[in-house]
Amino acid sequence: TYVALDPLIISLGSKAPRHLRFSAQLEV
């Protein structure tokens, strides 16, 4: 079965504000 993880929005870097949007599922 698959367990969906909540989407993550991660702020990156200190100079220019950049963001990473990440979502995944776990095979369990």
PDB file of all heavy atoms in Angstrom:
ATOM      1  N   THR A   1       0.851  -1.184   0.000  1.00  0.00           N
ATOM      2  CA  THR A   1       0.000   0.000   0.000  1.00  0.00           C
ATOM      3  C   THR A   1       0.891   1.240   0.000  1.00  0.00           C
ATOM      4  O   THR A   1       2.098   1.140   0.236  1.00  0.00           O
ATOM      5  CB  THR A   1      -0.950   0.001   1.208  1.00  0.00           C
ATOM      6  OG1 THR A   1      -1.879   1.063   1.056  1.00  0.00           O
ATOM      7  CG2 THR A   1      -0.198   0.157   2.507  1.00  0.00           C
ATOM      8  N   TYR A   2       0.312   2.390  -0.265  1.00  0.00           N
ATOM      9  CA  TYR A   2       1.069   3.636  -0.332  1.00  0.00           C
ATOM     10  C   TYR A   2       0.543   4.610   0.708  1.00  0.00           C
ATOM     11  O   TYR A   2      -0.657   4.781   0.858  1.00  0.00           O
ATOM     12  CB  TYR A   2       0.974   4.239  -1.730  1.00  0.00           C
ATOM     13  CG  TYR A   2       1.593   3.332  -2.762  1.00  0.00           C
ATOM     14  CD1 TYR A   2       0.819   2.426  -3.467  1.00  0.00           C
ATOM     15  CD2 TYR A   2       2.958   3.354  -2.989  1.00  0.00           C
ATOM     16  CE1 TYR A   2       1.391   1.567  -4.384  1.00  0.00           C
ATOM     17  CE2 TYR A   2       3.533   2.502  -3.904  1.00  0.00           C
ATOM     18  CZ  TYR A   2       2.751   1.611  -4.601  1.00  0.00           C
ATOM     19  OH  TYR A   2       3.319   0.749  -5.508  1.00  0.00           O
ATOM     20  N   VAL A   3       1.480   5.231   1.402  1.00  0.00           N
ATOM     21  CA  VAL A   3       1.148   6.229   2.406  1.00  0.00           C
ATOM     22  C   VAL A   3       1.595   7.577   1.860  1.00  0.00           C
ATOM     23  O   VAL A   3       2.786   7.802   1.619  1.00  0.00           O
ATOM     24  CB  VAL A   3       1.857   5.937   3.749  1.00  0.00           C
ATOM     25  CG1 VAL A   3       1.600   7.050   4.743  1.00  0.00           C
ATOM     26  CG2 VAL A   3       1.397   4.593   4.296  1.00  0.00           C
ATOM     27  N   ALA A   4       0.631   8.464   1.628  1.00  0.00           N
ATOM     28  CA  ALA A   4       0.939   9.789   1.086  1.00  0.00           C
ATOM     29  C   ALA A   4       1.461  10.688   2.199  1.00  0.00           C
ATOM     30  O   ALA A   4       0.875  10.766   3.279  1.00  0.00           O
ATOM     31  CB  ALA A   4      -0.298  10.394   0.448  1.00  0.00           C
ATOM     32  N   LEU A   5       2.571  11.346   1.928  1.00  0.00           N
ATOM     33  CA  LEU A   5       3.112  12.324   2.862  1.00  0.00           C
ATOM     34  C   LEU A   5       2.540  13.692   2.528  1.00  0.00           C
ATOM     35  O   LEU A   5       2.260  13.989   1.364  1.00  0.00           O
ATOM     36  CB  LEU A   5       4.641  12.357   2.770  1.00  0.00           C
ATOM     37  CG  LEU A   5       5.359  11.053   3.116  1.00  0.00           C
ATOM     38  CD1 LEU A   5       6.853  11.205   2.891  1.00  0.00           C
ATOM     39  CD2 LEU A   5       5.076  10.656   4.555  1.00  0.00           C
ATOM     40  N   ASP A   6       2.373  14.520   3.544  1.00  0.00           N
ATOM     41  CA  ASP A   6       1.898  15.875   3.303  1.00  0.00           C
ATOM     42  C   ASP A   6       2.947  16.636   2.503  1.00  0.00           C
ATOM     43  O   ASP A   6       4.155  16.472   2.742  1.00  0.00           O
ATOM     44  CB  ASP A   6       1.638  16.588   4.635  1.00  0.00           C
ATOM     45  CG  ASP A   6       0.543  15.903   5.428  1.00  0.00           C
ATOM     46  OD1 ASP A   6      -0.362  15.321   4.801  1.00  0.00           O
ATOM     47  OD2 ASP A   6       0.595  15.945   6.672  1.00  0.00           O
ATOM     48  N   PRO A   7       2.526  17.482   1.560  1.00  0.00           N
ATOM     49  CA  PRO A   7       3.496  18.268   0.787  1.00  0.00           C
ATOM     50  C   PRO A   7       4.306  19.184   1.705  1.00  0.00           C
ATOM     51  O   PRO A   7       3.783  19.735   2.674  1.00  0.00           O
ATOM     52  CB  PRO A   7       2.634  19.089  -0.163  1.00  0.00           C
ATOM     53  CG  PRO A   7       1.320  18.395  -0.205  1.00  0.00           C
ATOM     54  CD  PRO A   7       1.158  17.715   1.115  1.00  0.00           C
ATOM     55  N   LEU A   8       5.586  19.311   1.385  1.00  0.00           N
ATOM     56  CA  LEU A   8       6.477  20.178   2.144  1.00  0.00           C
ATOM     57  C   LEU A   8       6.875  21.364   1.266  1.00  0.00           C
ATOM     58  O   LEU A   8       7.137  21.199   0.077  1.00  0.00           O
ATOM     59  CB  LEU A   8       7.746  19.432   2.542  1.00  0.00           C
ATOM     60  CG  LEU A   8       7.613  18.219   3.449  1.00  0.00           C
ATOM     61  CD1 LEU A   8       8.953  17.524   3.599  1.00  0.00           C
ATOM     62  CD2 LEU A   8       7.086  18.634   4.803  1.00  0.00           C
ATOM     63  N   ILE A   9       6.921  22.538   1.853  1.00  0.00           N
ATOM     64  CA  ILE A   9       7.478  23.709   1.185  1.00  0.00           C
ATOM     65  C   ILE A   9       8.633  24.159   2.054  1.00  0.00           C
ATOM     66  O   ILE A   9       8.446  24.553   3.211  1.00  0.00           O
ATOM     67  CB  ILE A   9       6.433  24.817   1.008  1.00  0.00           C
ATOM     68  CG1 ILE A   9       5.307  24.308   0.119  1.00  0.00           C
ATOM     69  CG2 ILE A   9       7.092  26.058   0.409  1.00  0.00           C
ATOM     70  CD1 ILE A   9       4.185  25.280  -0.089  1.00  0.00           C
ATOM     71  N   ILE A  10       9.828  24.083   1.500  1.00  0.00           N
ATOM     72  CA  ILE A  10      11.046  24.316   2.262  1.00  0.00           C
ATOM     73  C   ILE A  10      11.723  25.567   1.743  1.00  0.00           C
ATOM     74  O   ILE A  10      11.967  25.689   0.538  1.00  0.00           O
ATOM     75  CB  ILE A  10      11.980  23.094   2.144  1.00  0.00           C
ATOM     76  CG1 ILE A  10      11.256  21.871   2.695  1.00  0.00           C
ATOM     77  CG2 ILE A  10      13.287  23.328   2.867  1.00  0.00           C
ATOM     78  CD1 ILE A  10      11.671  20.594   2.083  1.00  0.00           C
ATOM     79  N   SER A  11      12.031  26.498   2.634  1.00  0.00           N
ATOM     80  CA  SER A  11      12.758  27.697   2.230  1.00  0.00           C
ATOM     81  C   SER A  11      14.244  27.365   2.180  1.00  0.00           C
ATOM     82  O   SER A  11      14.789  26.731   3.078  1.00  0.00           O
ATOM     83  CB  SER A  11      12.478  28.851   3.192  1.00  0.00           C
ATOM     84  OG  SER A  11      12.874  28.491   4.492  1.00  0.00           O
ATOM     85  N   LEU A  12      14.889  27.815   1.116  1.00  0.00           N
ATOM     86  CA  LEU A  12      16.292  27.496   0.879  1.00  0.00           C
ATOM     87  C   LEU A  12      17.111  28.767   0.734  1.00  0.00           C
ATOM     88  O   LEU A  12      16.635  29.763   0.207  1.00  0.00           O
ATOM     89  CB  LEU A  12      16.438  26.677  -0.412  1.00  0.00           C
ATOM     90  CG  LEU A  12      15.620  25.399  -0.494  1.00  0.00           C
ATOM     91  CD1 LEU A  12      15.649  24.867  -1.905  1.00  0.00           C
ATOM     92  CD2 LEU A  12      16.166  24.378   0.465  1.00  0.00           C
ATOM     93  N   GLY A  13      18.336  28.689   1.152  1.00  0.00           N
ATOM     94  CA  GLY A  13      19.284  29.777   0.929  1.00  0.00           C
ATOM     95  C   GLY A  13      18.992  31.003   1.758  1.00  0.00           C
ATOM     96  O   GLY A  13      17.867  31.275   2.148  1.00  0.00           O
ATOM     97  N   SER A  14      20.048  31.748   2.012  1.00  0.00           N
ATOM     98  CA  SER A  14      19.901  32.963   2.808  1.00  0.00           C
ATOM     99  C   SER A  14      20.015  34.214   1.947  1.00  0.00           C
ATOM    100  O   SER A  14      19.569  35.274   2.339  1.00  0.00           O
ATOM    101  CB  SER A  14      20.968  32.995   3.907  1.00  0.00           C
ATOM    102  OG  SER A  14      22.259  32.944   3.318  1.00  0.00           O
ATOM    103  N   LYS A  15      20.615  34.120   0.763  1.00  0.00           N
ATOM    104  CA  LYS A  15      20.806  35.294  -0.091  1.00  0.00           C
ATOM    105  C   LYS A  15      19.520  35.665  -0.803  1.00  0.00           C
ATOM    106  O   LYS A  15      18.953  36.723  -0.578  1.00  0.00           O
ATOM    107  CB  LYS A  15      21.917  35.022  -1.108  1.00  0.00           C
ATOM    108  CG  LYS A  15      23.265  34.794  -0.473  1.00  0.00           C
ATOM    109  CD  LYS A  15      24.302  34.466  -1.509  1.00  0.00           C
ATOM    110  CE  LYS A  15      25.616  34.124  -0.808  1.00  0.00           C
ATOM    111  NZ  LYS A  15      26.619  33.659  -1.737  1.00  0.00           N
ATOM    112  N   ALA A  16      19.086  34.818  -1.701  1.00  0.00           N
ATOM    113  CA  ALA A  16      17.845  35.066  -2.435  1.00  0.00           C
ATOM    114  C   ALA A  16      16.812  34.050  -1.947  1.00  0.00           C
ATOM    115  O   ALA A  16      17.103  32.867  -1.864  1.00  0.00           O
ATOM    116  CB  ALA A  16      18.074  34.901  -3.934  1.00  0.00           C
ATOM    117  N   PRO A  17      15.626  34.505  -1.624  1.00  0.00           N
ATOM    118  CA  PRO A  17      14.615  33.552  -1.132  1.00  0.00           C
ATOM    119  C   PRO A  17      14.195  32.588  -2.231  1.00  0.00           C
ATOM    120  O   PRO A  17      13.705  32.984  -3.272  1.00  0.00           O
ATOM    121  CB  PRO A  17      13.456  34.445  -0.690  1.00  0.00           C
ATOM    122  CG  PRO A  17      13.645  35.726  -1.425  1.00  0.00           C
ATOM    123  CD  PRO A  17      15.103  35.860  -1.687  1.00  0.00           C
ATOM    124  N   ARG A  18      14.440  31.316  -1.979  1.00  0.00           N
ATOM    125  CA  ARG A  18      14.040  30.260  -2.904  1.00  0.00           C
ATOM    126  C   ARG A  18      13.292  29.211  -2.108  1.00  0.00           C
ATOM    127  O   ARG A  18      13.512  29.056  -0.908  1.00  0.00           O
ATOM    128  CB  ARG A  18      15.266  29.635  -3.574  1.00  0.00           C
ATOM    129  CG  ARG A  18      16.009  30.645  -4.438  1.00  0.00           C
ATOM    130  CD  ARG A  18      17.082  30.017  -5.219  1.00  0.00           C
ATOM    131  NE  ARG A  18      16.481  29.281  -6.323  1.00  0.00           N
ATOM    132  CZ  ARG A  18      17.176  28.606  -7.205  1.00  0.00           C
ATOM    133  NH1 ARG A  18      18.477  28.567  -7.119  1.00  0.00           N
ATOM    134  NH2 ARG A  18      16.595  27.957  -8.184  1.00  0.00           N
ATOM    135  N   HIS A  19      12.419  28.502  -2.785  1.00  0.00           N
ATOM    136  CA  HIS A  19      11.612  27.493  -2.121  1.00  0.00           C
ATOM    137  C   HIS A  19      11.619  26.199  -2.919  1.00  0.00           C
ATOM    138  O   HIS A  19      11.721  26.208  -4.139  1.00  0.00           O
ATOM    139  CB  HIS A  19      10.170  27.983  -1.951  1.00  0.00           C
ATOM    140  CG  HIS A  19      10.072  29.146  -1.036  1.00  0.00           C
ATOM    141  ND1 HIS A  19      10.206  30.448  -1.468  1.00  0.00           N
ATOM    142  CD2 HIS A  19       9.865  29.213   0.292  1.00  0.00           C
ATOM    143  CE1 HIS A  19      10.090  31.257  -0.444  1.00  0.00           C
ATOM    144  NE2 HIS A  19       9.873  30.536   0.639  1.00  0.00           N
ATOM    145  N   LEU A  20      11.479  25.120  -2.189  1.00  0.00           N
ATOM    146  CA  LEU A  20      11.355  23.793  -2.784  1.00  0.00           C
ATOM    147  C   LEU A  20      10.009  23.233  -2.373  1.00  0.00           C
ATOM    148  O   LEU A  20       9.674  23.203  -1.189  1.00  0.00           O
ATOM    149  CB  LEU A  20      12.472  22.874  -2.291  1.00  0.00           C
ATOM    150  CG  LEU A  20      12.338  21.398  -2.647  1.00  0.00           C
ATOM    151  CD1 LEU A  20      12.500  21.187  -4.143  1.00  0.00           C
ATOM    152  CD2 LEU A  20      13.351  20.562  -1.888  1.00  0.00           C
ATOM    153  N   ARG A  21       9.238  22.817  -3.348  1.00  0.00           N
ATOM    154  CA  ARG A  21       7.964  22.137  -3.069  1.00  0.00           C
ATOM    155  C   ARG A  21       8.213  20.658  -3.298  1.00  0.00           C
ATOM    156  O   ARG A  21       8.627  20.246  -4.372  1.00  0.00           O
ATOM    157  CB  ARG A  21       6.857  22.655  -3.971  1.00  0.00           C
ATOM    158  CG  ARG A  21       5.535  21.992  -3.679  1.00  0.00           C
ATOM    159  CD  ARG A  21       4.380  22.726  -4.341  1.00  0.00           C
ATOM    160  NE  ARG A  21       3.166  21.959  -4.285  1.00  0.00           N
ATOM    161  CZ  ARG A  21       2.346  21.898  -3.246  1.00  0.00           C
ATOM    162  NH1 ARG A  21       2.628  22.575  -2.157  1.00  0.00           N
ATOM    163  NH2 ARG A  21       1.254  21.173  -3.286  1.00  0.00           N
ATOM    164  N   PHE A  22       7.942  19.867  -2.268  1.00  0.00           N
ATOM    165  CA  PHE A  22       8.251  18.443  -2.293  1.00  0.00           C
ATOM    166  C   PHE A  22       7.054  17.660  -1.785  1.00  0.00           C
ATOM    167  O   PHE A  22       6.489  17.975  -0.737  1.00  0.00           O
ATOM    168  CB  PHE A  22       9.466  18.166  -1.389  1.00  0.00           C
ATOM    169  CG  PHE A  22       9.824  16.716  -1.269  1.00  0.00           C
ATOM    170  CD1 PHE A  22      10.608  16.105  -2.224  1.00  0.00           C
ATOM    171  CD2 PHE A  22       9.370  15.961  -0.195  1.00  0.00           C
ATOM    172  CE1 PHE A  22      10.940  14.762  -2.119  1.00  0.00           C
ATOM    173  CE2 PHE A  22       9.700  14.621  -0.078  1.00  0.00           C
ATOM    174  CZ  PHE A  22      10.485  14.030  -1.049  1.00  0.00           C
ATOM    175  N   SER A  23       6.665  16.638  -2.534  1.00  0.00           N
ATOM    176  CA  SER A  23       5.651  15.703  -2.036  1.00  0.00           C
ATOM    177  C   SER A  23       6.057  14.302  -2.471  1.00  0.00           C
ATOM    178  O   SER A  23       6.689  14.118  -3.512  1.00  0.00           O
ATOM    179  CB  SER A  23       4.248  16.066  -2.545  1.00  0.00           C
ATOM    180  OG  SER A  23       4.189  15.953  -3.938  1.00  0.00           O
ATOM    181  N   ALA A  24       5.692  13.334  -1.653  1.00  0.00           N
ATOM    182  CA  ALA A  24       6.114  11.958  -1.906  1.00  0.00           C
ATOM    183  C   ALA A  24       5.114  10.992  -1.299  1.00  0.00           C
ATOM    184  O   ALA A  24       4.236  11.373  -0.518  1.00  0.00           O
ATOM    185  CB  ALA A  24       7.500  11.718  -1.316  1.00  0.00           C
ATOM    186  N   GLN A  25       5.279   9.728  -1.678  1.00  0.00           N
ATOM    187  CA  GLN A  25       4.509   8.644  -1.093  1.00  0.00           C
ATOM    188  C   GLN A  25       5.477   7.542  -0.692  1.00  0.00           C
ATOM    189  O   GLN A  25       6.515   7.357  -1.320  1.00  0.00           O
ATOM    190  CB  GLN A  25       3.476   8.100  -2.078  1.00  0.00           C
ATOM    191  CG  GLN A  25       2.376   9.086  -2.365  1.00  0.00           C
ATOM    192  CD  GLN A  25       1.224   8.443  -3.114  1.00  0.00           C
ATOM    193  OE1 GLN A  25       1.198   7.251  -3.369  1.00  0.00           O
ATOM    194  NE2 GLN A  25       0.245   9.258  -3.455  1.00  0.00           N
ATOM    195  N   LEU A  26       5.103   6.832   0.353  1.00  0.00           N
ATOM    196  CA  LEU A  26       5.920   5.730   0.834  1.00  0.00           C
ATOM    197  C   LEU A  26       5.272   4.411   0.438  1.00  0.00           C
ATOM    198  O   LEU A  26       4.060   4.229   0.620  1.00  0.00           O
ATOM    199  CB  LEU A  26       6.049   5.789   2.363  1.00  0.00           C
ATOM    200  CG  LEU A  26       6.619   7.080   2.933  1.00  0.00           C
ATOM    201  CD1 LEU A  26       6.579   7.037   4.456  1.00  0.00           C
ATOM    202  CD2 LEU A  26       8.023   7.315   2.434  1.00  0.00           C
ATOM    203  N   GLU A  27       6.074   3.502  -0.091  1.00  0.00           N
ATOM    204  CA  GLU A  27       5.591   2.154  -0.408  1.00  0.00           C
ATOM    205  C   GLU A  27       5.793   1.301   0.841  1.00  0.00           C
ATOM    206  O   GLU A  27       6.917   1.131   1.311  1.00  0.00           O
ATOM    207  CB  GLU A  27       6.377   1.584  -1.582  1.00  0.00           C
ATOM    208  CG  GLU A  27       5.890   0.239  -2.039  1.00  0.00           C
ATOM    209  CD  GLU A  27       6.644  -0.248  -3.256  1.00  0.00           C
ATOM    210  OE1 GLU A  27       6.669   0.466  -4.272  1.00  0.00           O
ATOM    211  OE2 GLU A  27       7.220  -1.353  -3.165  1.00  0.00           O
ATOM    212  N   VAL A  28       4.675   0.787   1.366  1.00  0.00           N
ATOM    213  CA  VAL A  28       4.680   0.134   2.672  1.00  0.00           C
ATOM    214  C   VAL A  28       3.942  -1.198   2.579  1.00  0.00           C
ATOM    215  O   VAL A  28       2.893  -1.279   1.946  1.00  0.00           O
ATOM    216  CB  VAL A  28       3.965   1.048   3.706  1.00  0.00           C
ATOM    217  CG1 VAL A  28       3.903   0.426   5.070  1.00  0.00           C
ATOM    218  CG2 VAL A  28       4.640   2.408   3.761  1.00  0.00           C
TER     219      VAL A  28
END
